[in-house]
Each structure stands twice: as structure tokens, then as C-alpha cells.
Amino acid sequence: MELQQLRYFVAVAETEHVARAAERLHISQSPLSRQIRQLEEDLGLQLFERIKQRVRLTPAGRAFLDEARDLLAQASRLEERARQVGKGETCSLSIGYCEGIVHNGRLPAALRRFRAQYPRVGLKLAAMRSAEQAEALERASIDIALAYNVPAQAAAFGTRLLSREPFVLALADDHPLAARPAVLPADLDGMPWIALPKALNPAARERFLAACAASGFQPDIQFEVAHVSTTLGLVSAGLGAAIMQASMRRMNPPGVVFKSIEWLPLAVEIHAMWRAKAQTVGARRFLEVLQELDGIREDAKAGSAAFSEA
């Protein structure tokens, strides 16, 4: 028994006339009659009584009609759902993310656009360290990772650089360096400092200290803080300086000023990662949204440059 046979059966049952049903189905009468006879043979039932030029459902045919309609409706729903899944309109998407992509506005902008385009997608978000995201991606507990670092096992992942920002120096607004037009490495030597806990990311601590040494100063790390909001609070209290991604300037936290330190050989990179051989529909659609936003940003930059040159 095939769905096409059920469609033919329902059309004949509703018109009570083979010729009219054939016209409605846009087929000739002979193949329609053959399909109905074949269906009856397959089921071992007489579905119709032939009365002159018309046909009428038998009791068995009337019972079968209800079931046939239900099955065709279910098939239609399944077909529509499959199309929606193929388009990424209805599925689930689990995203692991680092704090920095929220602060620079990329994740909020992407989520807003993604939700507008695919309102039926079930979204799950989880703040994770970069290493945790890589592990979650391998376990398939997330579909896409937005992380600071690309791990050694990245060969199994598709990767894309989303953003690269310089660091800026965060100081209390009454700090002696706050009013200076420029801050130099010698100004920071021995200054009290607030940094990420070494245990949280030893490699990041080593990179930070190496960059400071290469620039010509040594920070006195007195406080270790895992969260940016807490770091800003300690900076505003005058307990030390800290470095942060440049987009943190947009937050304009009270009691804190940001100074350019372009001479520091460090930058904040954020990468998108996904399973290269098992990319989900949701991940593919989200990456497309990120690419669309990149195109908009590039267009805006080009427009700004053209305007400044005019």
C-alpha cells in the first residue's frame, strides 16, 4: 500500500465518481481504476460498491476512509517538518560561548538576527571556558563553540576567526595615570594588578607575563578574579590595574577609565568551532548568520571610509 493509492482512494470516496476523481487528480480514468482495484486486492476488502456510473463506500470503505485521511495528514505534517528541518527553521541549536563575545556585541547581534530568521529553532546557551567548549563539542553536547582558543585537536573541527581585538588598560578614574594622554610600559612597572586566576588558565597567565616582559614592565599581581564585572569593581575601588578587550569601553563602567596600550603584543581572539564531519543544520544556519553580519560590518566600514575621504 502506497500513499499515492490512499490519495486516489480518498479522491474517489469524496467525489463518488471515478471520472471526476481522475479529473481532480489530473490523471486519466483507467490508471485510477487500476490503482483502486489493486488497493482492494492488497487489503482483501471491497471498498466501493459500483452503482451504474457512480461508486459508494462500503461499510469497510467508510472505516478505511477515516484512517486513510489521518495517515495522509500525518504524512503531510512529516513532509512539512522535513522541509523545515532542511531549511534550519525547526531544529535545536546548542551554543557554548566565552564571555568576550558577549562583551563585543557579536553574540547578542547574531542571536537577534538568528531568532528573527529561525523563530522555531530551540536555542540553548552555555557559558564555558575554551577547553570545556572543545570537550563539549567532541561529545556533541554543543553544536557550535565560540571560544578564545583553538585547541590542539582542532583538526577534527571546522574553525573560523570571528574577531580580534587589542587589549586596553583599565584604571580607577582617580588613578594618577588616568589623566595622562598616553600610558607607557615604564609607568606600569611594579603597579598593583588584577588578573585571571593562574589555575583557571596557566597558559594565558604565561602569555600575559611574557607580553609584559617583552614590553618592558613587570606587573605586581595582587588579586586574581575570574569575572570581568568583579575585576571592574576592584579597579574602580583603586585596588589595581587590569587589561581587558577594547570593546569593554562600550560598557562605560562607573569609576573606571580605559587607556590605549597598543604597544602590548597581545590581542583577544574569538573563534567559532564546529564538528567538521557532523555539522548540524542549526550550526550551519548560525554560521551563515555570522557571515551575514560580517558582510554588513564590512559594508559599514567601506561606507565610513568613503565618507571620510569625500
C-alpha atoms as a PDB file:
ATOM      1  CA  MET A   1       0.000   0.000   0.000  1.00  0.00           C
ATOM      2  CA  GLU A   2       1.373   3.383  -1.030  1.00  0.00           C
ATOM      3  CA  LEU A   3       0.447   6.930  -0.096  1.00  0.00           C
ATOM      4  CA  GLN A   4      -0.453   7.600  -3.720  1.00  0.00           C
ATOM      5  CA  GLN A   5      -3.051   4.827  -3.569  1.00  0.00           C
ATOM      6  CA  LEU A   6      -4.521   6.382  -0.444  1.00  0.00           C
ATOM      7  CA  ARG A   7      -4.770   9.759  -2.161  1.00  0.00           C
ATOM      8  CA  TYR A   8      -6.553   8.130  -5.094  1.00  0.00           C
ATOM      9  CA  PHE A   9      -8.900   6.289  -2.736  1.00  0.00           C
ATOM     10  CA  VAL A  10      -9.818   9.457  -0.815  1.00  0.00           C
ATOM     11  CA  ALA A  11     -10.474  11.380  -4.042  1.00  0.00           C
ATOM     12  CA  VAL A  12     -12.844   8.668  -5.339  1.00  0.00           C
ATOM     13  CA  ALA A  13     -14.550   8.392  -1.954  1.00  0.00           C
ATOM     14  CA  GLU A  14     -15.160  12.147  -1.773  1.00  0.00           C
ATOM     15  CA  THR A  15     -16.434  12.521  -5.360  1.00  0.00           C
ATOM     16  CA  GLU A  16     -18.216   9.136  -5.542  1.00  0.00           C
ATOM     17  CA  HIS A  17     -17.254   9.160  -9.199  1.00  0.00           C
ATOM     18  CA  VAL A  18     -14.114   7.737 -10.805  1.00  0.00           C
ATOM     19  CA  ALA A  19     -14.101  10.138 -13.775  1.00  0.00           C
ATOM     20  CA  ARG A  20     -14.496  13.199 -11.547  1.00  0.00           C
ATOM     21  CA  ALA A  21     -11.817  11.927  -9.178  1.00  0.00           C
ATOM     22  CA  ALA A  22      -9.484  11.399 -12.144  1.00  0.00           C
ATOM     23  CA  GLU A  23     -10.111  14.962 -13.291  1.00  0.00           C
ATOM     24  CA  ARG A  24      -9.418  16.265  -9.798  1.00  0.00           C
ATOM     25  CA  LEU A  25      -6.182  14.269  -9.626  1.00  0.00           C
ATOM     26  CA  HIS A  26      -5.128  15.283 -13.148  1.00  0.00           C
ATOM     27  CA  ILE A  27      -4.763  11.674 -14.313  1.00  0.00           C
ATOM     28  CA  SER A  28      -6.712   9.501 -16.724  1.00  0.00           C
ATOM     29  CA  GLN A  29      -9.538   7.268 -15.530  1.00  0.00           C
ATOM     30  CA  SER A  30      -8.009   3.878 -16.404  1.00  0.00           C
ATOM     31  CA  PRO A  31      -4.899   4.042 -14.167  1.00  0.00           C
ATOM     32  CA  LEU A  32      -7.042   5.398 -11.349  1.00  0.00           C
ATOM     33  CA  SER A  33      -9.412   2.440 -11.613  1.00  0.00           C
ATOM     34  CA  ARG A  34      -6.455   0.032 -11.679  1.00  0.00           C
ATOM     35  CA  GLN A  35      -4.971   1.579  -8.542  1.00  0.00           C
ATOM     36  CA  ILE A  36      -8.264   1.311  -6.652  1.00  0.00           C
ATOM     37  CA  ARG A  37      -8.666  -2.353  -7.666  1.00  0.00           C
ATOM     38  CA  GLN A  38      -5.052  -3.028  -6.642  1.00  0.00           C
ATOM     39  CA  LEU A  39      -5.664  -1.404  -3.260  1.00  0.00           C
ATOM     40  CA  GLU A  40      -8.729  -3.557  -2.671  1.00  0.00           C
ATOM     41  CA  GLU A  41      -6.759  -6.679  -3.603  1.00  0.00           C
ATOM     42  CA  ASP A  42      -3.882  -5.739  -1.323  1.00  0.00           C
ATOM     43  CA  LEU A  43      -6.250  -5.137   1.596  1.00  0.00           C
ATOM     44  CA  GLY A  44      -8.536  -8.048   0.830  1.00  0.00           C
ATOM     45  CA  LEU A  45     -11.515  -5.681   1.161  1.00  0.00           C
ATOM     46  CA  GLN A  46     -14.213  -4.286  -1.062  1.00  0.00           C
ATOM     47  CA  LEU A  47     -14.001  -0.553  -0.533  1.00  0.00           C
ATOM     48  CA  PHE A  48     -16.613   0.558  -3.065  1.00  0.00           C
ATOM     49  CA  GLU A  49     -19.952  -0.575  -4.425  1.00  0.00           C
ATOM     50  CA  ARG A  50     -20.348   0.112  -8.141  1.00  0.00           C
ATOM     51  CA  ILE A  51     -23.782   1.550  -8.904  1.00  0.00           C
ATOM     52  CA  LYS A  52     -24.201   2.465 -12.557  1.00  0.00           C
ATOM     53  CA  GLN A  53     -21.888   5.440 -13.209  1.00  0.00           C
ATOM     54  CA  ARG A  54     -21.226   6.107  -9.516  1.00  0.00           C
ATOM     55  CA  VAL A  55     -19.427   4.405  -6.671  1.00  0.00           C
ATOM     56  CA  ARG A  56     -20.269   4.352  -2.990  1.00  0.00           C
ATOM     57  CA  LEU A  57     -18.257   3.354   0.022  1.00  0.00           C
ATOM     58  CA  THR A  58     -18.954   0.027   1.635  1.00  0.00           C
ATOM     59  CA  PRO A  59     -19.016  -0.077   5.476  1.00  0.00           C
ATOM     60  CA  ALA A  60     -15.416  -1.275   5.340  1.00  0.00           C
ATOM     61  CA  GLY A  61     -14.626   1.581   2.942  1.00  0.00           C
ATOM     62  CA  ARG A  62     -16.115   4.171   5.306  1.00  0.00           C
ATOM     63  CA  ALA A  63     -13.994   2.879   8.186  1.00  0.00           C
ATOM     64  CA  PHE A  64     -10.913   2.832   5.976  1.00  0.00           C
ATOM     65  CA  LEU A  65     -11.567   6.405   4.784  1.00  0.00           C
ATOM     66  CA  ASP A  66     -11.106   7.861   8.280  1.00  0.00           C
ATOM     67  CA  GLU A  67      -7.825   6.014   8.750  1.00  0.00           C
ATOM     68  CA  ALA A  68      -6.614   6.981   5.274  1.00  0.00           C
ATOM     69  CA  ARG A  69      -7.299  10.663   5.901  1.00  0.00           C
ATOM     70  CA  ASP A  70      -5.444  10.517   9.226  1.00  0.00           C
ATOM     71  CA  LEU A  71      -2.456   8.808   7.625  1.00  0.00           C
ATOM     72  CA  LEU A  72      -2.292  11.295   4.744  1.00  0.00           C
ATOM     73  CA  ALA A  73      -2.482  14.226   7.177  1.00  0.00           C
ATOM     74  CA  GLN A  74       0.336  12.733   9.229  1.00  0.00           C
ATOM     75  CA  ALA A  75       2.423  12.213   6.094  1.00  0.00           C
ATOM     76  CA  SER A  76       1.825  15.836   5.106  1.00  0.00           C
ATOM     77  CA  ARG A  77       2.935  17.036   8.528  1.00  0.00           C
ATOM     78  CA  LEU A  78       6.040  14.861   8.346  1.00  0.00           C
ATOM     79  CA  GLU A  79       6.882  16.191   4.885  1.00  0.00           C
ATOM     80  CA  GLU A  80       6.493  19.789   6.029  1.00  0.00           C
ATOM     81  CA  ARG A  81       8.609  19.184   9.115  1.00  0.00           C
ATOM     82  CA  ALA A  82      11.339  17.607   6.991  1.00  0.00           C
ATOM     83  CA  ARG A  83      11.371  20.681   4.755  1.00  0.00           C
ATOM     84  CA  GLN A  84      11.593  22.958   7.783  1.00  0.00           C
ATOM     85  CA  VAL A  85      14.456  20.951   9.240  1.00  0.00           C
ATOM     86  CA  GLY A  86      16.259  21.080   5.900  1.00  0.00           C
ATOM     87  CA  LYS A  87      15.899  24.851   5.882  1.00  0.00           C
ATOM     88  CA  GLY A  88      17.000  25.105   9.519  1.00  0.00           C
ATOM     89  CA  GLU A  89      13.598  26.509  10.506  1.00  0.00           C
ATOM     90  CA  THR A  90      12.823  23.924  13.149  1.00  0.00           C
ATOM     91  CA  CYS A  91      15.638  22.158  14.957  1.00  0.00           C
ATOM     92  CA  SER A  92      17.734  22.776  18.032  1.00  0.00           C
ATOM     93  CA  LEU A  93      20.975  24.684  18.427  1.00  0.00           C
ATOM     94  CA  SER A  94      23.248  24.461  21.445  1.00  0.00           C
ATOM     95  CA  ILE A  95      25.965  27.114  21.693  1.00  0.00           C
ATOM     96  CA  GLY A  96      28.909  27.254  24.048  1.00  0.00           C
ATOM     97  CA  TYR A  97      30.380  30.740  24.373  1.00  0.00           C
ATOM     98  CA  CYS A  98      33.083  32.744  26.081  1.00  0.00           C
ATOM     99  CA  GLU A  99      32.422  35.979  27.926  1.00  0.00           C
ATOM    100  CA  GLY A 100      34.278  38.109  25.408  1.00  0.00           C
ATOM    101  CA  ILE A 101      31.866  37.509  22.537  1.00  0.00           C
ATOM    102  CA  VAL A 102      29.049  38.900  24.669  1.00  0.00           C
ATOM    103  CA  HIS A 103      31.034  42.000  25.587  1.00  0.00           C
ATOM    104  CA  ASN A 104      31.970  42.810  21.995  1.00  0.00           C
ATOM    105  CA  GLY A 105      28.335  42.536  20.923  1.00  0.00           C
ATOM    106  CA  ARG A 106      28.841  39.783  18.327  1.00  0.00           C
ATOM    107  CA  LEU A 107      26.798  37.109  20.103  1.00  0.00           C
ATOM    108  CA  PRO A 108      23.806  39.337  21.013  1.00  0.00           C
ATOM    109  CA  ALA A 109      23.647  40.659  17.436  1.00  0.00           C
ATOM    110  CA  ALA A 110      23.886  37.159  15.953  1.00  0.00           C
ATOM    111  CA  LEU A 111      21.248  35.750  18.294  1.00  0.00           C
ATOM    112  CA  ARG A 112      18.856  38.597  17.493  1.00  0.00           C
ATOM    113  CA  ARG A 113      19.229  38.028  13.756  1.00  0.00           C
ATOM    114  CA  PHE A 114      19.111  34.227  14.081  1.00  0.00           C
ATOM    115  CA  ARG A 115      15.931  34.340  16.155  1.00  0.00           C
ATOM    116  CA  ALA A 116      14.283  36.649  13.604  1.00  0.00           C
ATOM    117  CA  GLN A 117      15.144  34.287  10.730  1.00  0.00           C
ATOM    118  CA  TYR A 118      14.525  30.976  12.517  1.00  0.00           C
ATOM    119  CA  PRO A 119      11.974  31.584  15.295  1.00  0.00           C
ATOM    120  CA  ARG A 120      11.184  27.863  15.684  1.00  0.00           C
ATOM    121  CA  VAL A 121      14.716  26.768  16.493  1.00  0.00           C
ATOM    122  CA  GLY A 122      15.196  25.718  20.114  1.00  0.00           C
ATOM    123  CA  LEU A 123      18.207  27.610  21.472  1.00  0.00           C
ATOM    124  CA  LYS A 124      20.428  26.530  24.343  1.00  0.00           C
ATOM    125  CA  LEU A 125      23.308  28.707  25.578  1.00  0.00           C
ATOM    126  CA  ALA A 126      26.089  27.749  27.966  1.00  0.00           C
ATOM    127  CA  ALA A 127      28.941  29.959  29.180  1.00  0.00           C
ATOM    128  CA  MET A 128      32.083  27.803  29.146  1.00  0.00           C
ATOM    129  CA  ARG A 129      35.839  28.083  29.206  1.00  0.00           C
ATOM    130  CA  SER A 130      37.501  27.409  25.869  1.00  0.00           C
ATOM    131  CA  ALA A 131      38.794  23.962  26.874  1.00  0.00           C
ATOM    132  CA  GLU A 132      35.357  22.974  28.149  1.00  0.00           C
ATOM    133  CA  GLN A 133      33.809  24.038  24.857  1.00  0.00           C
ATOM    134  CA  ALA A 134      36.195  21.841  22.878  1.00  0.00           C
ATOM    135  CA  GLU A 135      35.346  18.848  25.060  1.00  0.00           C
ATOM    136  CA  ALA A 136      31.607  19.546  24.796  1.00  0.00           C
ATOM    137  CA  LEU A 137      31.925  19.839  21.029  1.00  0.00           C
ATOM    138  CA  GLU A 138      33.656  16.447  20.835  1.00  0.00           C
ATOM    139  CA  ARG A 139      30.894  14.878  22.954  1.00  0.00           C
ATOM    140  CA  ALA A 140      28.260  16.538  20.721  1.00  0.00           C
ATOM    141  CA  SER A 141      26.691  18.178  23.770  1.00  0.00           C
ATOM    142  CA  ILE A 142      27.004  21.518  21.942  1.00  0.00           C
ATOM    143  CA  ASP A 143      26.713  22.225  18.209  1.00  0.00           C
ATOM    144  CA  ILE A 144      28.973  25.249  17.974  1.00  0.00           C
ATOM    145  CA  ALA A 145      31.672  26.749  20.178  1.00  0.00           C
ATOM    146  CA  LEU A 146      32.599  30.422  20.432  1.00  0.00           C
ATOM    147  CA  ALA A 147      35.921  30.284  22.225  1.00  0.00           C
ATOM    148  CA  TYR A 148      39.135  32.204  22.826  1.00  0.00           C
ATOM    149  CA  ASN A 149      41.485  29.383  21.905  1.00  0.00           C
ATOM    150  CA  VAL A 150      41.573  26.810  19.119  1.00  0.00           C
ATOM    151  CA  PRO A 151      42.655  23.535  20.793  1.00  0.00           C
ATOM    152  CA  ALA A 152      45.272  21.080  19.555  1.00  0.00           C
ATOM    153  CA  GLN A 153      42.537  18.687  18.379  1.00  0.00           C
ATOM    154  CA  ALA A 154      41.188  21.379  16.045  1.00  0.00           C
ATOM    155  CA  ALA A 155      41.842  19.129  13.043  1.00  0.00           C
ATOM    156  CA  ALA A 156      38.513  17.479  13.873  1.00  0.00           C
ATOM    157  CA  PHE A 157      36.798  20.856  13.923  1.00  0.00           C
ATOM    158  CA  GLY A 158      35.905  23.465  11.404  1.00  0.00           C
ATOM    159  CA  THR A 159      37.182  26.829  12.669  1.00  0.00           C
ATOM    160  CA  ARG A 160      36.755  30.464  11.815  1.00  0.00           C
ATOM    161  CA  LEU A 161      38.219  33.610  13.373  1.00  0.00           C
ATOM    162  CA  LEU A 162      35.328  35.854  14.392  1.00  0.00           C
ATOM    163  CA  SER A 163      37.094  38.807  15.976  1.00  0.00           C
ATOM    164  CA  ARG A 164      40.478  40.110  17.050  1.00  0.00           C
ATOM    165  CA  GLU A 165      40.684  42.997  19.499  1.00  0.00           C
ATOM    166  CA  PRO A 166      43.596  44.759  21.181  1.00  0.00           C
ATOM    167  CA  PHE A 167      43.716  44.984  24.946  1.00  0.00           C
ATOM    168  CA  VAL A 168      43.137  48.244  26.808  1.00  0.00           C
ATOM    169  CA  LEU A 169      44.254  49.204  30.297  1.00  0.00           C
ATOM    170  CA  ALA A 170      41.541  49.652  32.944  1.00  0.00           C
ATOM    171  CA  LEU A 171      42.304  52.145  35.747  1.00  0.00           C
ATOM    172  CA  ALA A 172      40.350  53.840  38.504  1.00  0.00           C
ATOM    173  CA  ASP A 173      39.237  57.283  37.315  1.00  0.00           C
ATOM    174  CA  ASP A 174      41.269  58.933  40.107  1.00  0.00           C
ATOM    175  CA  HIS A 175      44.448  56.969  39.377  1.00  0.00           C
ATOM    176  CA  PRO A 176      47.493  59.186  38.652  1.00  0.00           C
ATOM    177  CA  LEU A 177      47.774  57.698  35.158  1.00  0.00           C
ATOM    178  CA  ALA A 178      44.126  58.261  34.302  1.00  0.00           C
ATOM    179  CA  ALA A 179      44.635  61.865  33.202  1.00  0.00           C
ATOM    180  CA  ARG A 180      47.735  61.234  31.120  1.00  0.00           C
ATOM    181  CA  PRO A 181      47.347  61.379  27.340  1.00  0.00           C
ATOM    182  CA  ALA A 182      49.378  58.187  26.949  1.00  0.00           C
ATOM    183  CA  VAL A 183      50.492  55.350  29.217  1.00  0.00           C
ATOM    184  CA  LEU A 184      53.952  53.858  28.658  1.00  0.00           C
ATOM    185  CA  PRO A 185      55.281  50.446  29.793  1.00  0.00           C
ATOM    186  CA  ALA A 186      57.602  52.036  32.365  1.00  0.00           C
ATOM    187  CA  ASP A 187      54.551  53.639  34.014  1.00  0.00           C
ATOM    188  CA  LEU A 188      53.162  50.205  34.860  1.00  0.00           C
ATOM    189  CA  ASP A 189      56.279  48.564  36.275  1.00  0.00           C
ATOM    190  CA  GLY A 190      55.562  47.199  39.758  1.00  0.00           C
ATOM    191  CA  MET A 191      51.988  48.524  39.750  1.00  0.00           C
ATOM    192  CA  PRO A 192      49.348  46.503  41.693  1.00  0.00           C
ATOM    193  CA  TRP A 193      47.482  44.288  39.233  1.00  0.00           C
ATOM    194  CA  ILE A 194      44.255  42.314  38.946  1.00  0.00           C
ATOM    195  CA  ALA A 195      44.452  39.235  36.723  1.00  0.00           C
ATOM    196  CA  LEU A 196      42.689  35.997  35.872  1.00  0.00           C
ATOM    197  CA  PRO A 197      43.467  33.156  38.298  1.00  0.00           C
ATOM    198  CA  LYS A 198      46.531  31.257  37.168  1.00  0.00           C
ATOM    199  CA  ALA A 199      44.836  27.942  37.952  1.00  0.00           C
ATOM    200  CA  LEU A 200      41.997  28.843  35.579  1.00  0.00           C
ATOM    201  CA  ASN A 201      44.279  29.200  32.562  1.00  0.00           C
ATOM    202  CA  PRO A 202      48.016  28.773  33.208  1.00  0.00           C
ATOM    203  CA  ALA A 203      48.872  29.261  29.517  1.00  0.00           C
ATOM    204  CA  ALA A 204      47.046  32.603  29.436  1.00  0.00           C
ATOM    205  CA  ARG A 205      48.934  33.754  32.548  1.00  0.00           C
ATOM    206  CA  GLU A 206      52.247  32.838  30.924  1.00  0.00           C
ATOM    207  CA  ARG A 207      51.336  34.699  27.735  1.00  0.00           C
ATOM    208  CA  PHE A 208      50.377  37.769  29.750  1.00  0.00           C
ATOM    209  CA  LEU A 209      53.588  37.816  31.774  1.00  0.00           C
ATOM    210  CA  ALA A 210      55.682  37.216  28.649  1.00  0.00           C
ATOM    211  CA  ALA A 211      53.959  40.118  26.860  1.00  0.00           C
ATOM    212  CA  CYS A 212      54.552  42.394  29.859  1.00  0.00           C
ATOM    213  CA  ALA A 213      58.245  41.424  29.978  1.00  0.00           C
ATOM    214  CA  ALA A 214      58.599  41.966  26.231  1.00  0.00           C
ATOM    215  CA  SER A 215      57.084  45.425  26.649  1.00  0.00           C
ATOM    216  CA  GLY A 216      59.442  46.332  29.477  1.00  0.00           C
ATOM    217  CA  PHE A 217      57.478  46.110  32.724  1.00  0.00           C
ATOM    218  CA  GLN A 218      56.554  43.608  35.426  1.00  0.00           C
ATOM    219  CA  PRO A 219      53.075  43.684  36.989  1.00  0.00           C
ATOM    220  CA  ASP A 220      52.573  43.023  40.706  1.00  0.00           C
ATOM    221  CA  ILE A 221      49.581  40.650  40.635  1.00  0.00           C
ATOM    222  CA  GLN A 222      47.794  41.117  43.956  1.00  0.00           C
ATOM    223  CA  PHE A 223      44.292  39.894  43.124  1.00  0.00           C
ATOM    224  CA  GLU A 224      43.051  37.014  40.994  1.00  0.00           C
ATOM    225  CA  VAL A 225      39.497  37.382  39.693  1.00  0.00           C
ATOM    226  CA  ALA A 226      37.608  35.155  37.273  1.00  0.00           C
ATOM    227  CA  HIS A 227      34.803  37.516  36.217  1.00  0.00           C
ATOM    228  CA  VAL A 228      35.034  40.818  34.364  1.00  0.00           C
ATOM    229  CA  SER A 229      32.340  42.512  36.448  1.00  0.00           C
ATOM    230  CA  THR A 230      34.255  41.770  39.661  1.00  0.00           C
ATOM    231  CA  THR A 231      37.511  42.917  38.076  1.00  0.00           C
ATOM    232  CA  LEU A 232      35.904  46.244  37.127  1.00  0.00           C
ATOM    233  CA  GLY A 233      34.649  46.646  40.679  1.00  0.00           C
ATOM    234  CA  LEU A 234      38.141  46.151  42.115  1.00  0.00           C
ATOM    235  CA  VAL A 235      39.632  48.501  39.525  1.00  0.00           C
ATOM    236  CA  SER A 236      37.108  51.222  40.385  1.00  0.00           C
ATOM    237  CA  ALA A 237      37.976  50.728  44.070  1.00  0.00           C
ATOM    238  CA  GLY A 238      41.592  51.571  43.237  1.00  0.00           C
ATOM    239  CA  LEU A 239      42.947  48.126  44.124  1.00  0.00           C
ATOM    240  CA  GLY A 240      44.885  47.680  40.905  1.00  0.00           C
ATOM    241  CA  ALA A 241      45.015  47.899  37.135  1.00  0.00           C
ATOM    242  CA  ALA A 242      43.801  45.297  34.663  1.00  0.00           C
ATOM    243  CA  ILE A 243      43.768  44.650  30.931  1.00  0.00           C
ATOM    244  CA  MET A 244      40.558  43.965  29.030  1.00  0.00           C
ATOM    245  CA  GLN A 245      39.385  43.641  25.448  1.00  0.00           C
ATOM    246  CA  ALA A 246      38.904  47.031  23.809  1.00  0.00           C
ATOM    247  CA  SER A 247      35.149  46.581  23.322  1.00  0.00           C
ATOM    248  CA  MET A 248      34.707  46.807  27.117  1.00  0.00           C
ATOM    249  CA  ARG A 249      34.887  50.583  26.618  1.00  0.00           C
ATOM    250  CA  ARG A 250      31.286  50.421  25.393  1.00  0.00           C
ATOM    251  CA  MET A 251      30.106  49.389  28.853  1.00  0.00           C
ATOM    252  CA  ASN A 252      31.334  52.688  30.325  1.00  0.00           C
ATOM    253  CA  PRO A 253      31.524  51.314  33.894  1.00  0.00           C
ATOM    254  CA  PRO A 254      31.407  53.965  36.654  1.00  0.00           C
ATOM    255  CA  GLY A 255      34.713  54.872  38.286  1.00  0.00           C
ATOM    256  CA  VAL A 256      36.811  53.259  35.518  1.00  0.00           C
ATOM    257  CA  VAL A 257      38.741  54.739  32.611  1.00  0.00           C
ATOM    258  CA  PHE A 258      40.344  52.854  29.737  1.00  0.00           C
ATOM    259  CA  LYS A 259      43.710  53.755  28.257  1.00  0.00           C
ATOM    260  CA  SER A 260      45.160  52.585  24.949  1.00  0.00           C
ATOM    261  CA  ILE A 261      48.161  50.225  25.217  1.00  0.00           C
ATOM    262  CA  GLU A 262      48.678  49.364  21.568  1.00  0.00           C
ATOM    263  CA  TRP A 263      52.306  48.576  22.328  1.00  0.00           C
ATOM    264  CA  LEU A 264      51.306  45.437  24.290  1.00  0.00           C
ATOM    265  CA  PRO A 265      51.843  42.394  21.999  1.00  0.00           C
ATOM    266  CA  LEU A 266      48.596  40.686  22.987  1.00  0.00           C
ATOM    267  CA  ALA A 267      45.125  40.535  21.478  1.00  0.00           C
ATOM    268  CA  VAL A 268      41.794  38.897  22.237  1.00  0.00           C
ATOM    269  CA  GLU A 269      40.843  36.421  19.529  1.00  0.00           C
ATOM    270  CA  ILE A 270      37.480  34.683  19.433  1.00  0.00           C
ATOM    271  CA  HIS A 271      36.955  31.682  17.173  1.00  0.00           C
ATOM    272  CA  ALA A 272      33.895  29.751  16.059  1.00  0.00           C
ATOM    273  CA  MET A 273      34.321  25.966  16.075  1.00  0.00           C
ATOM    274  CA  TRP A 274      32.056  23.143  14.923  1.00  0.00           C
ATOM    275  CA  ARG A 275      32.330  19.430  14.187  1.00  0.00           C
ATOM    276  CA  ALA A 276      33.694  19.307  10.642  1.00  0.00           C
ATOM    277  CA  LYS A 277      32.242  15.888   9.757  1.00  0.00           C
ATOM    278  CA  ALA A 278      28.977  16.187  11.665  1.00  0.00           C
ATOM    279  CA  GLN A 279      27.856  19.785  11.326  1.00  0.00           C
ATOM    280  CA  THR A 280      24.247  20.199  12.403  1.00  0.00           C
ATOM    281  CA  VAL A 281      21.685  22.190  10.437  1.00  0.00           C
ATOM    282  CA  GLY A 282      21.417  24.651  13.321  1.00  0.00           C
ATOM    283  CA  ALA A 283      25.184  25.219  13.407  1.00  0.00           C
ATOM    284  CA  ARG A 284      25.280  25.766   9.650  1.00  0.00           C
ATOM    285  CA  ARG A 285      22.487  28.332   9.805  1.00  0.00           C
ATOM    286  CA  PHE A 286      24.117  30.147  12.729  1.00  0.00           C
ATOM    287  CA  LEU A 287      27.426  30.374  10.867  1.00  0.00           C
ATOM    288  CA  GLU A 288      25.553  31.798   7.883  1.00  0.00           C
ATOM    289  CA  VAL A 289      24.087  34.476  10.153  1.00  0.00           C
ATOM    290  CA  LEU A 290      27.563  35.328  11.472  1.00  0.00           C
ATOM    291  CA  GLN A 291      28.762  35.645   7.881  1.00  0.00           C
ATOM    292  CA  GLU A 292      25.830  37.915   7.021  1.00  0.00           C
ATOM    293  CA  LEU A 293      26.702  40.160   9.958  1.00  0.00           C
ATOM    294  CA  ASP A 294      30.340  40.257   8.848  1.00  0.00           C
ATOM    295  CA  GLY A 295      29.155  41.408   5.419  1.00  0.00           C
ATOM    296  CA  ILE A 296      27.081  44.162   6.986  1.00  0.00           C
ATOM    297  CA  ARG A 297      30.056  45.293   9.101  1.00  0.00           C
ATOM    298  CA  GLU A 298      32.353  45.341   6.073  1.00  0.00           C
ATOM    299  CA  ASP A 299      29.802  47.370   4.112  1.00  0.00           C
ATOM    300  CA  ALA A 300      29.539  49.818   7.003  1.00  0.00           C
ATOM    301  CA  LYS A 301      33.328  50.159   7.169  1.00  0.00           C
ATOM    302  CA  ALA A 302      33.537  50.784   3.432  1.00  0.00           C
ATOM    303  CA  GLY A 303      30.810  53.400   3.639  1.00  0.00           C
ATOM    304  CA  SER A 304      32.516  55.118   6.542  1.00  0.00           C
ATOM    305  CA  ALA A 305      35.839  55.187   4.704  1.00  0.00           C
ATOM    306  CA  ALA A 306      34.226  56.569   1.553  1.00  0.00           C
ATOM    307  CA  PHE A 307      32.515  59.260   3.565  1.00  0.00           C
ATOM    308  CA  SER A 308      35.745  60.281   5.332  1.00  0.00           C
ATOM    309  CA  GLU A 309      37.592  60.529   2.003  1.00  0.00           C
ATOM    310  CA  ALA A 310      34.942  62.695   0.354  1.00  0.00           C
END
